[in-house]
Protein backbone atom coordinates (compact mmCIF):
# COMPACT_ATOMS: atom_id res chain seq x y z
CA MET A 1 9.74 13.00 12.35
CA ASP A 2 9.84 14.22 8.67
CA PRO A 3 6.45 15.37 7.26
CA ASP A 4 4.80 12.71 5.13
CA PRO A 5 3.43 14.43 2.13
CA ASP A 6 1.19 11.42 1.64
CA TYR A 7 -0.28 11.82 4.96
CA GLU A 8 -3.79 12.45 3.66
CA ALA A 9 -4.04 9.54 1.32
CA ARG A 10 -2.80 7.36 4.16
CA GLN A 11 -5.33 8.75 6.69
CA ARG A 12 -8.29 8.04 4.21
CA TRP A 13 -7.18 4.58 3.65
CA ALA A 14 -6.76 3.87 7.53
CA GLN A 15 -10.20 5.28 8.11
CA LEU A 16 -11.67 2.51 5.98
CA PRO A 17 -13.18 -0.31 7.90
CA LYS A 18 -10.71 -3.24 7.88
CA GLU A 19 -13.27 -5.48 5.91
CA VAL A 20 -13.49 -2.90 3.24
CA ARG A 21 -9.83 -2.72 2.94
CA LYS A 22 -9.68 -6.39 2.64
CA GLU A 23 -12.26 -6.34 -0.02
CA VAL A 24 -10.38 -3.97 -2.21
CA ILE A 25 -7.45 -6.09 -1.82
CA LYS A 26 -9.28 -9.28 -2.64
CA ARG A 27 -10.65 -7.47 -5.69
CA ALA A 28 -7.36 -6.40 -6.80
CA ARG A 29 -5.69 -9.91 -6.46
CA LYS A 30 -8.21 -10.96 -9.08
CA ASN A 31 -7.64 -7.76 -11.24
CA GLU A 32 -11.29 -6.46 -10.72
CA PRO A 33 -11.67 -2.87 -10.41
CA ILE A 34 -13.63 -1.24 -7.40
CA PRO A 35 -16.95 -0.33 -8.84
CA ASP A 36 -17.26 2.76 -6.47
CA PRO A 37 -15.45 5.56 -7.83
CA ARG A 38 -14.83 7.19 -4.45
CA LEU A 39 -13.50 4.06 -2.84
CA ALA A 40 -11.40 3.51 -5.99
CA LYS A 41 -9.52 6.84 -5.62
CA ILE A 42 -8.83 6.18 -1.82
CA ALA A 43 -7.36 3.01 -2.72
CA LEU A 44 -5.24 4.43 -5.51
CA GLY A 45 -4.17 7.25 -3.08
CA TRP A 46 -2.86 4.37 -0.65
CA ALA A 47 -1.22 2.82 -3.76
CA TRP A 48 0.65 5.73 -4.77
CA ALA A 49 1.53 6.72 -1.45
CA ILE A 50 3.40 3.36 -1.14
CA GLN A 51 4.93 3.29 -4.43
CA GLY A 52 4.60 7.02 -5.84
CA PRO A 53 2.30 7.80 -8.74
CA PRO A 54 3.03 6.56 -12.52
CA GLY A 55 6.06 8.67 -13.79
CA ALA A 56 7.29 9.34 -10.29
CA ARG A 57 7.77 6.02 -8.49
CA LYS A 58 9.57 5.66 -5.21
CA GLN A 59 12.90 3.92 -5.41
CA VAL A 60 13.72 1.56 -2.70
CA GLY A 61 17.16 0.12 -2.87
CA ALA A 62 17.81 -3.77 -2.56
CA PHE A 63 19.78 -3.33 0.70
CA THR A 64 16.83 -1.55 2.40
CA LEU A 65 14.55 -4.24 1.28
CA ILE A 66 16.87 -7.01 2.64
CA VAL A 67 17.47 -5.24 5.85
CA ASP A 68 13.59 -4.86 6.19
CA LEU A 69 13.12 -8.58 5.42
CA ILE A 70 15.49 -9.72 7.85
CA GLY A 71 14.08 -7.42 10.69
CA ASN A 72 10.75 -8.99 9.87
CA LEU A 73 11.82 -12.60 10.05
CA MET A 74 13.77 -11.87 13.33
CA LEU A 75 10.95 -10.38 14.83
CA PRO A 76 8.02 -12.88 14.71
CA GLU A 77 5.50 -10.24 16.06
CA GLY A 78 7.32 -7.19 14.52
CA LYS A 79 5.85 -4.84 12.05
CA GLY A 80 5.43 -6.67 8.92
CA THR A 81 4.11 -10.20 10.12
CA PHE A 82 0.54 -11.17 9.86
CA LYS A 83 0.16 -12.72 13.24
CA ARG A 84 -1.08 -9.48 15.07
CA VAL A 85 -0.13 -6.50 12.98
CA ASP A 86 -2.56 -5.38 10.15
CA ILE A 87 0.32 -4.43 7.43
CA PHE A 88 -2.54 -2.99 5.26
CA ASP A 89 -3.35 -0.27 7.62
CA GLY A 90 -1.66 2.65 5.78
CA ALA A 91 1.21 3.18 8.24
CA ARG A 92 4.20 4.47 6.65
CA HIS A 93 6.57 2.02 8.13
CA HIS A 94 4.97 -0.89 6.21
CA ASP A 95 5.81 0.50 3.02
CA LEU A 96 9.07 -1.66 2.43
CA ASN A 97 7.21 -4.80 3.04
CA LEU A 98 7.31 -6.74 -0.09
CA VAL A 99 3.75 -8.01 0.16
CA VAL A 100 2.55 -4.49 0.65
CA ARG A 101 4.28 -2.94 -2.34
CA ARG A 102 3.17 -5.78 -4.48
CA THR A 103 -0.42 -5.57 -3.22
CA ALA A 104 -0.25 -1.64 -3.97
CA ARG A 105 0.70 -2.34 -7.57
CA GLN A 106 -2.24 -4.86 -7.90
CA VAL A 107 -4.49 -2.21 -6.33
CA GLU A 108 -3.13 0.25 -9.10
CA ARG A 109 -3.29 -2.18 -12.01
CA ALA A 110 -6.93 -2.83 -11.25
CA ASN A 111 -8.36 0.65 -10.68
CA TYR A 112 -6.12 2.96 -13.14
CA SER A 113 -5.75 2.92 -16.61
CA GLY A 114 -5.20 6.60 -17.28
CA PRO A 115 -2.33 8.47 -18.18
CA PRO A 116 0.08 9.63 -15.49
CA PRO A 117 -1.03 12.36 -13.31
CA ALA A 118 0.10 15.81 -14.13
């Protein structure tokens, strides 16, 4: 298994209670920032683990996204479904999920307005 440079950001996000992660996502979908700066930093860390920080985005090819989508459709209880798996748990294998990627962009948009990090 290759090392994950975003391991710490993912761990901090995963350690949040599920209800807190849901609230962060709910606020992000309404473009409302998180009032707690510590929680906002954790949420941004997760979002940037998914997509990369501004100025250093992780590129995902269309073929990879299509294969992931087909895999999710063929496995009704697989890694990206909503039935029994929390796709917002911070696990790396959810990074290609289009819903997760869109949510990461929403979290960033709602909570980051500064210049790209150095």
